[in-house]
Amino acid sequence: KYPEEAQYVVNFGYNYPYMMKMNMREAVHMIELRTVPQGHQDY
């Protein structure tokens, strides 16, 4: 009955779908930044 409100109970560990469109310039920035040693292992 409440699909939007139901989101609040879902844990961070649950998988979540999204799409990302980026150009190569932004891909360089994002991927190089998110693979640095201090980054969270998940991302």
PDB file of all heavy atoms in Angstrom:
ATOM      1  N   LYS A   1       0.819  -1.218   0.000  1.00  0.00           N
ATOM      2  CA  LYS A   1       0.000   0.000   0.000  1.00  0.00           C
ATOM      3  C   LYS A   1       0.851   1.267   0.000  1.00  0.00           C
ATOM      4  O   LYS A   1       0.414   2.306  -0.499  1.00  0.00           O
ATOM      5  CB  LYS A   1      -0.921   0.001   1.214  1.00  0.00           C
ATOM      6  CG  LYS A   1      -1.987   1.091   1.142  1.00  0.00           C
ATOM      7  CD  LYS A   1      -3.017   0.948   2.254  1.00  0.00           C
ATOM      8  CE  LYS A   1      -4.091   2.027   2.136  1.00  0.00           C
ATOM      9  NZ  LYS A   1      -5.102   1.926   3.217  1.00  0.00           N
ATOM     10  N   TYR A   2       2.069   1.168   0.529  1.00  0.00           N
ATOM     11  CA  TYR A   2       2.909   2.368   0.671  1.00  0.00           C
ATOM     12  C   TYR A   2       4.308   2.099   0.095  1.00  0.00           C
ATOM     13  O   TYR A   2       5.286   1.948   0.832  1.00  0.00           O
ATOM     14  CB  TYR A   2       3.034   2.754   2.147  1.00  0.00           C
ATOM     15  CG  TYR A   2       1.716   2.936   2.850  1.00  0.00           C
ATOM     16  CD1 TYR A   2       1.208   1.931   3.680  1.00  0.00           C
ATOM     17  CD2 TYR A   2       0.968   4.105   2.686  1.00  0.00           C
ATOM     18  CE1 TYR A   2      -0.008   2.096   4.332  1.00  0.00           C
ATOM     19  CE2 TYR A   2      -0.249   4.276   3.339  1.00  0.00           C
ATOM     20  CZ  TYR A   2      -0.735   3.259   4.153  1.00  0.00           C
ATOM     21  OH  TYR A   2      -1.940   3.430   4.792  1.00  0.00           O
ATOM     22  N   PRO A   3       4.428   2.009  -1.239  1.00  0.00           N
ATOM     23  CA  PRO A   3       5.720   1.641  -1.848  1.00  0.00           C
ATOM     24  C   PRO A   3       6.853   2.629  -1.565  1.00  0.00           C
ATOM     25  O   PRO A   3       8.010   2.213  -1.419  1.00  0.00           O
ATOM     26  CB  PRO A   3       5.403   1.569  -3.345  1.00  0.00           C
ATOM     27  CG  PRO A   3       4.151   2.371  -3.513  1.00  0.00           C
ATOM     28  CD  PRO A   3       3.379   2.202  -2.249  1.00  0.00           C
ATOM     29  N   GLU A   4       6.552   3.913  -1.511  1.00  0.00           N
ATOM     30  CA  GLU A   4       7.611   4.893  -1.251  1.00  0.00           C
ATOM     31  C   GLU A   4       8.016   4.899   0.212  1.00  0.00           C
ATOM     32  O   GLU A   4       9.204   4.937   0.547  1.00  0.00           O
ATOM     33  CB  GLU A   4       7.168   6.287  -1.712  1.00  0.00           C
ATOM     34  CG  GLU A   4       6.969   6.369  -3.220  1.00  0.00           C
ATOM     35  CD  GLU A   4       7.106   7.771  -3.764  1.00  0.00           C
ATOM     36  OE1 GLU A   4       7.879   8.566  -3.207  1.00  0.00           O
ATOM     37  OE2 GLU A   4       6.437   8.078  -4.768  1.00  0.00           O
ATOM     38  N   GLU A   5       7.036   4.836   1.107  1.00  0.00           N
ATOM     39  CA  GLU A   5       7.333   4.820   2.542  1.00  0.00           C
ATOM     40  C   GLU A   5       8.060   3.538   2.954  1.00  0.00           C
ATOM     41  O   GLU A   5       8.859   3.555   3.899  1.00  0.00           O
ATOM     42  CB  GLU A   5       6.047   4.958   3.352  1.00  0.00           C
ATOM     43  CG  GLU A   5       5.410   6.335   3.334  1.00  0.00           C
ATOM     44  CD  GLU A   5       4.579   6.623   2.084  1.00  0.00           C
ATOM     45  OE1 GLU A   5       4.487   5.726   1.208  1.00  0.00           O
ATOM     46  OE2 GLU A   5       4.017   7.718   1.967  1.00  0.00           O
ATOM     47  N   ALA A   6       7.802   2.444   2.248  1.00  0.00           N
ATOM     48  CA  ALA A   6       8.433   1.158   2.588  1.00  0.00           C
ATOM     49  C   ALA A   6       9.950   1.210   2.463  1.00  0.00           C
ATOM     50  O   ALA A   6      10.666   0.416   3.093  1.00  0.00           O
ATOM     51  CB  ALA A   6       7.880   0.056   1.689  1.00  0.00           C
ATOM     52  N   GLN A   7      10.471   2.142   1.691  1.00  0.00           N
ATOM     53  CA  GLN A   7      11.925   2.268   1.509  1.00  0.00           C
ATOM     54  C   GLN A   7      12.667   2.473   2.833  1.00  0.00           C
ATOM     55  O   GLN A   7      13.809   2.031   2.996  1.00  0.00           O
ATOM     56  CB  GLN A   7      12.257   3.453   0.600  1.00  0.00           C
ATOM     57  CG  GLN A   7      11.751   3.345  -0.828  1.00  0.00           C
ATOM     58  CD  GLN A   7      12.109   4.589  -1.614  1.00  0.00           C
ATOM     59  OE1 GLN A   7      13.115   4.624  -2.314  1.00  0.00           O
ATOM     60  NE2 GLN A   7      11.298   5.628  -1.477  1.00  0.00           N
ATOM     61  N   TYR A   8      12.028   3.156   3.759  1.00  0.00           N
ATOM     62  CA  TYR A   8      12.700   3.546   4.998  1.00  0.00           C
ATOM     63  C   TYR A   8      13.199   2.359   5.820  1.00  0.00           C
ATOM     64  O   TYR A   8      14.158   2.486   6.571  1.00  0.00           O
ATOM     65  CB  TYR A   8      11.757   4.388   5.866  1.00  0.00           C
ATOM     66  CG  TYR A   8      11.543   5.799   5.373  1.00  0.00           C
ATOM     67  CD1 TYR A   8      10.386   6.156   4.682  1.00  0.00           C
ATOM     68  CD2 TYR A   8      12.495   6.787   5.613  1.00  0.00           C
ATOM     69  CE1 TYR A   8      10.185   7.446   4.239  1.00  0.00           C
ATOM     70  CE2 TYR A   8      12.299   8.090   5.171  1.00  0.00           C
ATOM     71  CZ  TYR A   8      11.141   8.416   4.486  1.00  0.00           C
ATOM     72  OH  TYR A   8      10.940   9.703   4.041  1.00  0.00           O
ATOM     73  N   VAL A   9      12.552   1.212   5.689  1.00  0.00           N
ATOM     74  CA  VAL A   9      12.929   0.061   6.525  1.00  0.00           C
ATOM     75  C   VAL A   9      14.059  -0.762   5.913  1.00  0.00           C
ATOM     76  O   VAL A   9      14.650  -1.608   6.568  1.00  0.00           O
ATOM     77  CB  VAL A   9      11.691  -0.841   6.780  1.00  0.00           C
ATOM     78  CG1 VAL A   9      11.390  -1.724   5.579  1.00  0.00           C
ATOM     79  CG2 VAL A   9      11.864  -1.672   8.047  1.00  0.00           C
ATOM     80  N   VAL A  10      14.408  -0.487   4.655  1.00  0.00           N
ATOM     81  CA  VAL A  10      15.402  -1.302   3.927  1.00  0.00           C
ATOM     82  C   VAL A  10      16.825  -0.960   4.367  1.00  0.00           C
ATOM     83  O   VAL A  10      17.199   0.210   4.452  1.00  0.00           O
ATOM     84  CB  VAL A  10      15.250  -1.113   2.401  1.00  0.00           C
ATOM     85  CG1 VAL A  10      16.254  -1.995   1.653  1.00  0.00           C
ATOM     86  CG2 VAL A  10      13.835  -1.433   1.957  1.00  0.00           C
ATOM     87  N   ASN A  11      17.632  -1.983   4.592  1.00  0.00           N
ATOM     88  CA  ASN A  11      19.010  -1.812   5.077  1.00  0.00           C
ATOM     89  C   ASN A  11      19.967  -1.388   3.966  1.00  0.00           C
ATOM     90  O   ASN A  11      19.750  -1.653   2.791  1.00  0.00           O
ATOM     91  CB  ASN A  11      19.531  -3.117   5.676  1.00  0.00           C
ATOM     92  CG  ASN A  11      18.563  -3.731   6.666  1.00  0.00           C
ATOM     93  OD1 ASN A  11      17.614  -4.389   6.269  1.00  0.00           O
ATOM     94  ND2 ASN A  11      18.803  -3.523   7.945  1.00  0.00           N
ATOM     95  N   PHE A  12      21.068  -0.761   4.373  1.00  0.00           N
ATOM     96  CA  PHE A  12      22.121  -0.362   3.437  1.00  0.00           C
ATOM     97  C   PHE A  12      22.672  -1.562   2.669  1.00  0.00           C
ATOM     98  O   PHE A  12      23.195  -1.418   1.570  1.00  0.00           O
ATOM     99  CB  PHE A  12      23.290   0.297   4.183  1.00  0.00           C
ATOM    100  CG  PHE A  12      23.035   1.707   4.647  1.00  0.00           C
ATOM    101  CD1 PHE A  12      21.757   2.230   4.710  1.00  0.00           C
ATOM    102  CD2 PHE A  12      24.085   2.511   5.046  1.00  0.00           C
ATOM    103  CE1 PHE A  12      21.531   3.529   5.156  1.00  0.00           C
ATOM    104  CE2 PHE A  12      23.886   3.808   5.481  1.00  0.00           C
ATOM    105  CZ  PHE A  12      22.605   4.317   5.539  1.00  0.00           C
ATOM    106  N   GLY A  13      22.608  -2.752   3.269  1.00  0.00           N
ATOM    107  CA  GLY A  13      23.187  -3.938   2.644  1.00  0.00           C
ATOM    108  C   GLY A  13      22.371  -4.499   1.498  1.00  0.00           C
ATOM    109  O   GLY A  13      22.863  -5.328   0.726  1.00  0.00           O
ATOM    110  N   TYR A  14      21.123  -4.059   1.358  1.00  0.00           N
ATOM    111  CA  TYR A  14      20.287  -4.556   0.251  1.00  0.00           C
ATOM    112  C   TYR A  14      20.746  -3.955  -1.073  1.00  0.00           C
ATOM    113  O   TYR A  14      21.153  -2.788  -1.154  1.00  0.00           O
ATOM    114  CB  TYR A  14      18.816  -4.242   0.511  1.00  0.00           C
ATOM    115  CG  TYR A  14      18.115  -5.378   1.219  1.00  0.00           C
ATOM    116  CD1 TYR A  14      17.882  -5.332   2.591  1.00  0.00           C
ATOM    117  CD2 TYR A  14      17.719  -6.517   0.525  1.00  0.00           C
ATOM    118  CE1 TYR A  14      17.267  -6.395   3.249  1.00  0.00           C
ATOM    119  CE2 TYR A  14      17.107  -7.583   1.175  1.00  0.00           C
ATOM    120  CZ  TYR A  14      16.883  -7.519   2.527  1.00  0.00           C
ATOM    121  OH  TYR A  14      16.294  -8.576   3.163  1.00  0.00           O
ATOM    122  N   ASN A  15      20.674  -4.768  -2.122  1.00  0.00           N
ATOM    123  CA  ASN A  15      21.110  -4.330  -3.447  1.00  0.00           C
ATOM    124  C   ASN A  15      20.100  -3.383  -4.074  1.00  0.00           C
ATOM    125  O   ASN A  15      18.890  -3.535  -3.899  1.00  0.00           O
ATOM    126  CB  ASN A  15      21.356  -5.540  -4.343  1.00  0.00           C
ATOM    127  CG  ASN A  15      22.580  -6.320  -3.916  1.00  0.00           C
ATOM    128  OD1 ASN A  15      23.573  -5.741  -3.486  1.00  0.00           O
ATOM    129  ND2 ASN A  15      22.515  -7.641  -4.006  1.00  0.00           N
ATOM    130  N   TYR A  16      20.643  -2.445  -4.846  1.00  0.00           N
ATOM    131  CA  TYR A  16      19.854  -1.308  -5.334  1.00  0.00           C
ATOM    132  C   TYR A  16      20.174  -1.045  -6.804  1.00  0.00           C
ATOM    133  O   TYR A  16      21.345  -0.912  -7.170  1.00  0.00           O
ATOM    134  CB  TYR A  16      20.210  -0.082  -4.487  1.00  0.00           C
ATOM    135  CG  TYR A  16      19.390   1.147  -4.770  1.00  0.00           C
ATOM    136  CD1 TYR A  16      18.008   1.099  -4.766  1.00  0.00           C
ATOM    137  CD2 TYR A  16      20.013   2.367  -5.026  1.00  0.00           C
ATOM    138  CE1 TYR A  16      17.269   2.241  -5.007  1.00  0.00           C
ATOM    139  CE2 TYR A  16      19.283   3.509  -5.269  1.00  0.00           C
ATOM    140  CZ  TYR A  16      17.904   3.443  -5.257  1.00  0.00           C
ATOM    141  OH  TYR A  16      17.159   4.569  -5.504  1.00  0.00           O
ATOM    142  N   PRO A  17      19.159  -0.974  -7.669  1.00  0.00           N
ATOM    143  CA  PRO A  17      19.408  -0.774  -9.101  1.00  0.00           C
ATOM    144  C   PRO A  17      19.421   0.704  -9.516  1.00  0.00           C
ATOM    145  O   PRO A  17      18.574   1.484  -9.088  1.00  0.00           O
ATOM    146  CB  PRO A  17      18.220  -1.495  -9.745  1.00  0.00           C
ATOM    147  CG  PRO A  17      17.114  -1.375  -8.747  1.00  0.00           C
ATOM    148  CD  PRO A  17      17.742  -1.289  -7.400  1.00  0.00           C
ATOM    149  N   TYR A  18      20.385   1.049 -10.356  1.00  0.00           N
ATOM    150  CA  TYR A  18      20.448   2.392 -10.927  1.00  0.00           C
ATOM    151  C   TYR A  18      21.260   2.325 -12.214  1.00  0.00           C
ATOM    152  O   TYR A  18      21.950   1.344 -12.477  1.00  0.00           O
ATOM    153  CB  TYR A  18      21.059   3.395  -9.949  1.00  0.00           C
ATOM    154  CG  TYR A  18      22.387   3.005  -9.344  1.00  0.00           C
ATOM    155  CD1 TYR A  18      23.577   3.587  -9.769  1.00  0.00           C
ATOM    156  CD2 TYR A  18      22.454   2.064  -8.326  1.00  0.00           C
ATOM    157  CE1 TYR A  18      24.791   3.240  -9.197  1.00  0.00           C
ATOM    158  CE2 TYR A  18      23.666   1.702  -7.747  1.00  0.00           C
ATOM    159  CZ  TYR A  18      24.834   2.296  -8.185  1.00  0.00           C
ATOM    160  OH  TYR A  18      26.037   1.947  -7.630  1.00  0.00           O
ATOM    161  N   MET A  19      21.126   3.343 -13.035  1.00  0.00           N
ATOM    162  CA  MET A  19      21.928   3.404 -14.260  1.00  0.00           C
ATOM    163  C   MET A  19      22.714   4.715 -14.261  1.00  0.00           C
ATOM    164  O   MET A  19      22.274   5.718 -13.715  1.00  0.00           O
ATOM    165  CB  MET A  19      21.048   3.293 -15.517  1.00  0.00           C
ATOM    166  CG  MET A  19      19.929   4.311 -15.664  1.00  0.00           C
ATOM    167  SD  MET A  19      20.391   5.977 -16.224  1.00  0.00           S
ATOM    168  CE  MET A  19      21.002   5.660 -17.849  1.00  0.00           C
ATOM    169  N   MET A  20      23.901   4.644 -14.855  1.00  0.00           N
ATOM    170  CA  MET A  20      24.755   5.825 -14.943  1.00  0.00           C
ATOM    171  C   MET A  20      25.253   5.981 -16.372  1.00  0.00           C
ATOM    172  O   MET A  20      25.745   5.028 -16.962  1.00  0.00           O
ATOM    173  CB  MET A  20      25.956   5.704 -13.998  1.00  0.00           C
ATOM    174  CG  MET A  20      25.594   5.611 -12.531  1.00  0.00           C
ATOM    175  SD  MET A  20      27.018   5.285 -11.451  1.00  0.00           S
ATOM    176  CE  MET A  20      27.754   6.912 -11.372  1.00  0.00           C
ATOM    177  N   LYS A  21      25.084   7.170 -16.901  1.00  0.00           N
ATOM    178  CA  LYS A  21      25.636   7.484 -18.219  1.00  0.00           C
ATOM    179  C   LYS A  21      26.669   8.586 -18.033  1.00  0.00           C
ATOM    180  O   LYS A  21      26.402   9.605 -17.412  1.00  0.00           O
ATOM    181  CB  LYS A  21      24.550   7.946 -19.191  1.00  0.00           C
ATOM    182  CG  LYS A  21      25.113   8.272 -20.568  1.00  0.00           C
ATOM    183  CD  LYS A  21      24.046   8.448 -21.613  1.00  0.00           C
ATOM    184  CE  LYS A  21      24.676   8.677 -22.976  1.00  0.00           C
ATOM    185  NZ  LYS A  21      23.774   8.389 -24.084  1.00  0.00           N
ATOM    186  N   MET A  22      27.859   8.350 -18.553  1.00  0.00           N
ATOM    187  CA  MET A  22      28.945   9.308 -18.376  1.00  0.00           C
ATOM    188  C   MET A  22      29.814   9.343 -19.620  1.00  0.00           C
ATOM    189  O   MET A  22      29.856   8.386 -20.388  1.00  0.00           O
ATOM    190  CB  MET A  22      29.785   8.929 -17.162  1.00  0.00           C
ATOM    191  CG  MET A  22      30.569   7.633 -17.316  1.00  0.00           C
ATOM    192  SD  MET A  22      31.178   6.965 -15.756  1.00  0.00           S
ATOM    193  CE  MET A  22      29.685   6.170 -15.161  1.00  0.00           C
ATOM    194  N   ASN A  23      30.495  10.466 -19.795  1.00  0.00           N
ATOM    195  CA  ASN A  23      31.477  10.519 -20.868  1.00  0.00           C
ATOM    196  C   ASN A  23      32.823  10.045 -20.341  1.00  0.00           C
ATOM    197  O   ASN A  23      32.996   9.830 -19.132  1.00  0.00           O
ATOM    198  CB  ASN A  23      31.558  11.927 -21.478  1.00  0.00           C
ATOM    199  CG  ASN A  23      31.911  12.984 -20.446  1.00  0.00           C
ATOM    200  OD1 ASN A  23      32.923  12.896 -19.755  1.00  0.00           O
ATOM    201  ND2 ASN A  23      31.066  14.009 -20.335  1.00  0.00           N
ATOM    202  N   MET A  24      33.774   9.862 -21.235  1.00  0.00           N
ATOM    203  CA  MET A  24      35.080   9.335 -20.848  1.00  0.00           C
ATOM    204  C   MET A  24      35.772  10.240 -19.833  1.00  0.00           C
ATOM    205  O   MET A  24      36.424   9.767 -18.895  1.00  0.00           O
ATOM    206  CB  MET A  24      35.968   9.147 -22.082  1.00  0.00           C
ATOM    207  CG  MET A  24      37.412   8.756 -21.771  1.00  0.00           C
ATOM    208  SD  MET A  24      37.565   7.171 -20.895  1.00  0.00           S
ATOM    209  CE  MET A  24      37.793   6.060 -22.277  1.00  0.00           C
ATOM    210  N   ARG A  25      35.617  11.521 -19.978  1.00  0.00           N
ATOM    211  CA  ARG A  25      36.276  12.454 -19.053  1.00  0.00           C
ATOM    212  C   ARG A  25      35.785  12.238 -17.624  1.00  0.00           C
ATOM    213  O   ARG A  25      36.565  12.195 -16.679  1.00  0.00           O
ATOM    214  CB  ARG A  25      36.026  13.889 -19.505  1.00  0.00           C
ATOM    215  CG  ARG A  25      36.869  14.934 -18.786  1.00  0.00           C
ATOM    216  CD  ARG A  25      36.774  16.255 -19.525  1.00  0.00           C
ATOM    217  NE  ARG A  25      37.656  17.253 -18.952  1.00  0.00           N
ATOM    218  CZ  ARG A  25      37.236  18.337 -18.297  1.00  0.00           C
ATOM    219  NH1 ARG A  25      35.943  18.550 -18.134  1.00  0.00           N
ATOM    220  NH2 ARG A  25      38.094  19.215 -17.820  1.00  0.00           N
ATOM    221  N   GLU A  26      34.479  12.111 -17.461  1.00  0.00           N
ATOM    222  CA  GLU A  26      33.926  11.863 -16.135  1.00  0.00           C
ATOM    223  C   GLU A  26      34.260  10.448 -15.668  1.00  0.00           C
ATOM    224  O   GLU A  26      34.502  10.219 -14.488  1.00  0.00           O
ATOM    225  CB  GLU A  26      32.415  12.082 -16.134  1.00  0.00           C
ATOM    226  CG  GLU A  26      31.711  11.712 -14.828  1.00  0.00           C
ATOM    227  CD  GLU A  26      32.242  12.442 -13.603  1.00  0.00           C
ATOM    228  OE1 GLU A  26      32.881  13.500 -13.753  1.00  0.00           O
ATOM    229  OE2 GLU A  26      32.018  11.942 -12.480  1.00  0.00           O
ATOM    230  N   ALA A  27      34.277   9.488 -16.594  1.00  0.00           N
ATOM    231  CA  ALA A  27      34.642   8.116 -16.239  1.00  0.00           C
ATOM    232  C   ALA A  27      36.063   8.067 -15.677  1.00  0.00           C
ATOM    233  O   ALA A  27      36.336   7.348 -14.708  1.00  0.00           O
ATOM    234  CB  ALA A  27      34.514   7.201 -17.452  1.00  0.00           C
ATOM    235  N   VAL A  28      36.968   8.816 -16.287  1.00  0.00           N
ATOM    236  CA  VAL A  28      38.342   8.886 -15.792  1.00  0.00           C
ATOM    237  C   VAL A  28      38.348   9.389 -14.354  1.00  0.00           C
ATOM    238  O   VAL A  28      38.979   8.800 -13.467  1.00  0.00           O
ATOM    239  CB  VAL A  28      39.209   9.806 -16.685  1.00  0.00           C
ATOM    240  CG1 VAL A  28      40.557  10.084 -16.029  1.00  0.00           C
ATOM    241  CG2 VAL A  28      39.408   9.176 -18.058  1.00  0.00           C
ATOM    242  N   HIS A  29      37.643  10.482 -14.123  1.00  0.00           N
ATOM    243  CA  HIS A  29      37.608  11.061 -12.776  1.00  0.00           C
ATOM    244  C   HIS A  29      37.015  10.082 -11.764  1.00  0.00           C
ATOM    245  O   HIS A  29      37.595   9.826 -10.712  1.00  0.00           O
ATOM    246  CB  HIS A  29      36.786  12.352 -12.786  1.00  0.00           C
ATOM    247  CG  HIS A  29      36.450  12.854 -11.408  1.00  0.00           C
ATOM    248  ND1 HIS A  29      37.400  13.373 -10.563  1.00  0.00           N
ATOM    249  CD2 HIS A  29      35.272  12.889 -10.726  1.00  0.00           C
ATOM    250  CE1 HIS A  29      36.831  13.710  -9.421  1.00  0.00           C
ATOM    251  NE2 HIS A  29      35.542  13.425  -9.490  1.00  0.00           N
ATOM    252  N   MET A  30      35.859   9.530 -12.082  1.00  0.00           N
ATOM    253  CA  MET A  30      35.153   8.690 -11.130  1.00  0.00           C
ATOM    254  C   MET A  30      35.904   7.390 -10.851  1.00  0.00           C
ATOM    255  O   MET A  30      36.089   6.995  -9.695  1.00  0.00           O
ATOM    256  CB  MET A  30      33.749   8.373 -11.635  1.00  0.00           C
ATOM    257  CG  MET A  30      32.895   7.697 -10.566  1.00  0.00           C
ATOM    258  SD  MET A  30      31.295   7.162 -11.170  1.00  0.00           S
ATOM    259  CE  MET A  30      31.733   5.563 -11.834  1.00  0.00           C
ATOM    260  N   ILE A  31      36.355   6.719 -11.899  1.00  0.00           N
ATOM    261  CA  ILE A  31      36.981   5.408 -11.734  1.00  0.00           C
ATOM    262  C   ILE A  31      38.353   5.525 -11.081  1.00  0.00           C
ATOM    263  O   ILE A  31      38.711   4.720 -10.212  1.00  0.00           O
ATOM    264  CB  ILE A  31      37.043   4.670 -13.086  1.00  0.00           C
ATOM    265  CG1 ILE A  31      35.609   4.336 -13.555  1.00  0.00           C
ATOM    266  CG2 ILE A  31      37.885   3.415 -12.986  1.00  0.00           C
ATOM    267  CD1 ILE A  31      35.523   3.795 -14.957  1.00  0.00           C
ATOM    268  N   GLU A  32      39.128   6.525 -11.464  1.00  0.00           N
ATOM    269  CA  GLU A  32      40.428   6.712 -10.810  1.00  0.00           C
ATOM    270  C   GLU A  32      40.248   7.070  -9.331  1.00  0.00           C
ATOM    271  O   GLU A  32      40.973   6.567  -8.468  1.00  0.00           O
ATOM    272  CB  GLU A  32      41.231   7.799 -11.525  1.00  0.00           C
ATOM    273  CG  GLU A  32      41.736   7.359 -12.901  1.00  0.00           C
ATOM    274  CD  GLU A  32      42.602   8.390 -13.583  1.00  0.00           C
ATOM    275  OE1 GLU A  32      42.617   9.562 -13.140  1.00  0.00           O
ATOM    276  OE2 GLU A  32      43.274   8.032 -14.565  1.00  0.00           O
ATOM    277  N   LEU A  33      39.280   7.929  -9.030  1.00  0.00           N
ATOM    278  CA  LEU A  33      39.034   8.310  -7.637  1.00  0.00           C
ATOM    279  C   LEU A  33      38.531   7.135  -6.811  1.00  0.00           C
ATOM    280  O   LEU A  33      38.970   6.904  -5.684  1.00  0.00           O
ATOM    281  CB  LEU A  33      38.014   9.453  -7.583  1.00  0.00           C
ATOM    282  CG  LEU A  33      37.567   9.890  -6.179  1.00  0.00           C
ATOM    283  CD1 LEU A  33      38.751  10.450  -5.386  1.00  0.00           C
ATOM    284  CD2 LEU A  33      36.443  10.918  -6.272  1.00  0.00           C
ATOM    285  N   ARG A  34      37.612   6.354  -7.380  1.00  0.00           N
ATOM    286  CA  ARG A  34      36.979   5.285  -6.613  1.00  0.00           C
ATOM    287  C   ARG A  34      37.790   3.988  -6.584  1.00  0.00           C
ATOM    288  O   ARG A  34      37.339   2.996  -6.026  1.00  0.00           O
ATOM    289  CB  ARG A  34      35.574   5.020  -7.166  1.00  0.00           C
ATOM    290  CG  ARG A  34      34.605   6.173  -6.939  1.00  0.00           C
ATOM    291  CD  ARG A  34      34.531   6.556  -5.482  1.00  0.00           C
ATOM    292  NE  ARG A  34      33.660   7.697  -5.237  1.00  0.00           N
ATOM    293  CZ  ARG A  34      33.562   8.330  -4.085  1.00  0.00           C
ATOM    294  NH1 ARG A  34      34.305   7.935  -3.061  1.00  0.00           N
ATOM    295  NH2 ARG A  34      32.750   9.362  -3.936  1.00  0.00           N
ATOM    296  N   THR A  35      38.979   3.995  -7.174  1.00  0.00           N
ATOM    297  CA  THR A  35      39.869   2.833  -7.023  1.00  0.00           C
ATOM    298  C   THR A  35      41.090   3.163  -6.174  1.00  0.00           C
ATOM    299  O   THR A  35      42.001   2.342  -6.052  1.00  0.00           O
ATOM    300  CB  THR A  35      40.346   2.291  -8.392  1.00  0.00           C
ATOM    301  OG1 THR A  35      41.005   3.335  -9.125  1.00  0.00           O
ATOM    302  CG2 THR A  35      39.179   1.756  -9.207  1.00  0.00           C
ATOM    303  N   VAL A  36      41.125   4.346  -5.547  1.00  0.00           N
ATOM    304  CA  VAL A  36      42.271   4.688  -4.700  1.00  0.00           C
ATOM    305  C   VAL A  36      42.319   3.747  -3.495  1.00  0.00           C
ATOM    306  O   VAL A  36      41.276   3.217  -3.077  1.00  0.00           O
ATOM    307  CB  VAL A  36      42.211   6.160  -4.234  1.00  0.00           C
ATOM    308  CG1 VAL A  36      42.365   7.109  -5.406  1.00  0.00           C
ATOM    309  CG2 VAL A  36      40.917   6.450  -3.464  1.00  0.00           C
ATOM    310  N   PRO A  37      43.501   3.517  -2.918  1.00  0.00           N
ATOM    311  CA  PRO A  37      43.639   2.541  -1.825  1.00  0.00           C
ATOM    312  C   PRO A  37      42.707   2.782  -0.643  1.00  0.00           C
ATOM    313  O   PRO A  37      42.228   1.841  -0.028  1.00  0.00           O
ATOM    314  CB  PRO A  37      45.102   2.697  -1.406  1.00  0.00           C
ATOM    315  CG  PRO A  37      45.796   3.191  -2.629  1.00  0.00           C
ATOM    316  CD  PRO A  37      44.806   4.076  -3.323  1.00  0.00           C
ATOM    317  N   GLN A  38      42.436   4.071  -0.317  1.00  0.00           N
ATOM    318  CA  GLN A  38      41.635   4.359   0.865  1.00  0.00           C
ATOM    319  C   GLN A  38      40.137   4.226   0.638  1.00  0.00           C
ATOM    320  O   GLN A  38      39.339   4.403   1.548  1.00  0.00           O
ATOM    321  CB  GLN A  38      41.939   5.771   1.394  1.00  0.00           C
ATOM    322  CG  GLN A  38      41.608   6.915   0.432  1.00  0.00           C
ATOM    323  CD  GLN A  38      42.799   7.325  -0.400  1.00  0.00           C
ATOM    324  OE1 GLN A  38      43.615   6.487  -0.772  1.00  0.00           O
ATOM    325  NE2 GLN A  38      42.910   8.610  -0.690  1.00  0.00           N
ATOM    326  N   GLY A  39      39.726   3.888  -0.585  1.00  0.00           N
ATOM    327  CA  GLY A  39      38.310   3.765  -0.888  1.00  0.00           C
ATOM    328  C   GLY A  39      37.691   2.523  -0.279  1.00  0.00           C
ATOM    329  O   GLY A  39      38.369   1.525  -0.011  1.00  0.00           O
ATOM    330  N   HIS A  40      36.391   2.559  -0.068  1.00  0.00           N
ATOM    331  CA  HIS A  40      35.653   1.397   0.448  1.00  0.00           C
ATOM    332  C   HIS A  40      35.782   0.256  -0.557  1.00  0.00           C
ATOM    333  O   HIS A  40      35.683   0.455  -1.766  1.00  0.00           O
ATOM    334  CB  HIS A  40      34.182   1.764   0.635  1.00  0.00           C
ATOM    335  CG  HIS A  40      33.396   0.760   1.410  1.00  0.00           C
ATOM    336  ND1 HIS A  40      33.068  -0.478   0.898  1.00  0.00           N
ATOM    337  CD2 HIS A  40      32.861   0.804   2.655  1.00  0.00           C
ATOM    338  CE1 HIS A  40      32.361  -1.149   1.797  1.00  0.00           C
ATOM    339  NE2 HIS A  40      32.221  -0.394   2.875  1.00  0.00           N
ATOM    340  N   GLN A  41      36.006  -0.954  -0.055  1.00  0.00           N
ATOM    341  CA  GLN A  41      36.251  -2.089  -0.949  1.00  0.00           C
ATOM    342  C   GLN A  41      35.063  -2.356  -1.877  1.00  0.00           C
ATOM    343  O   GLN A  41      35.244  -2.824  -3.004  1.00  0.00           O
ATOM    344  CB  GLN A  41      36.573  -3.341  -0.142  1.00  0.00           C
ATOM    345  CG  GLN A  41      35.472  -3.815   0.786  1.00  0.00           C
ATOM    346  CD  GLN A  41      35.862  -5.073   1.549  1.00  0.00           C
ATOM    347  OE1 GLN A  41      36.881  -5.688   1.244  1.00  0.00           O
ATOM    348  NE2 GLN A  41      35.070  -5.434   2.540  1.00  0.00           N
ATOM    349  N   ASP A  42      33.839  -2.079  -1.432  1.00  0.00           N
ATOM    350  CA  ASP A  42      32.667  -2.327  -2.281  1.00  0.00           C
ATOM    351  C   ASP A  42      32.732  -1.518  -3.564  1.00  0.00           C
ATOM    352  O   ASP A  42      32.603  -2.056  -4.665  1.00  0.00           O
ATOM    353  CB  ASP A  42      31.377  -1.990  -1.525  1.00  0.00           C
ATOM    354  CG  ASP A  42      30.998  -3.054  -0.516  1.00  0.00           C
ATOM    355  OD1 ASP A  42      31.641  -4.126  -0.525  1.00  0.00           O
ATOM    356  OD2 ASP A  42      30.069  -2.819   0.279  1.00  0.00           O
ATOM    357  N   TYR A  43      32.912  -0.197  -3.419  1.00  0.00           N
ATOM    358  CA  TYR A  43      32.895   0.605  -4.645  1.00  0.00           C
ATOM    359  C   TYR A  43      34.199   0.504  -5.419  1.00  0.00           C
ATOM    360  O   TYR A  43      34.232   0.700  -6.631  1.00  0.00           O
ATOM    361  CB  TYR A  43      32.474   2.061  -4.388  1.00  0.00           C
ATOM    362  CG  TYR A  43      33.383   2.937  -3.560  1.00  0.00           C
ATOM    363  CD1 TYR A  43      34.677   3.262  -3.960  1.00  0.00           C
ATOM    364  CD2 TYR A  43      32.910   3.549  -2.396  1.00  0.00           C
ATOM    365  CE1 TYR A  43      35.477   4.116  -3.228  1.00  0.00           C
ATOM    366  CE2 TYR A  43      33.697   4.410  -1.652  1.00  0.00           C
ATOM    367  CZ  TYR A  43      34.982   4.688  -2.074  1.00  0.00           C
ATOM    368  OH  TYR A  43      35.774   5.548  -1.346  1.00  0.00           O
TER     369      TYR A  43
END
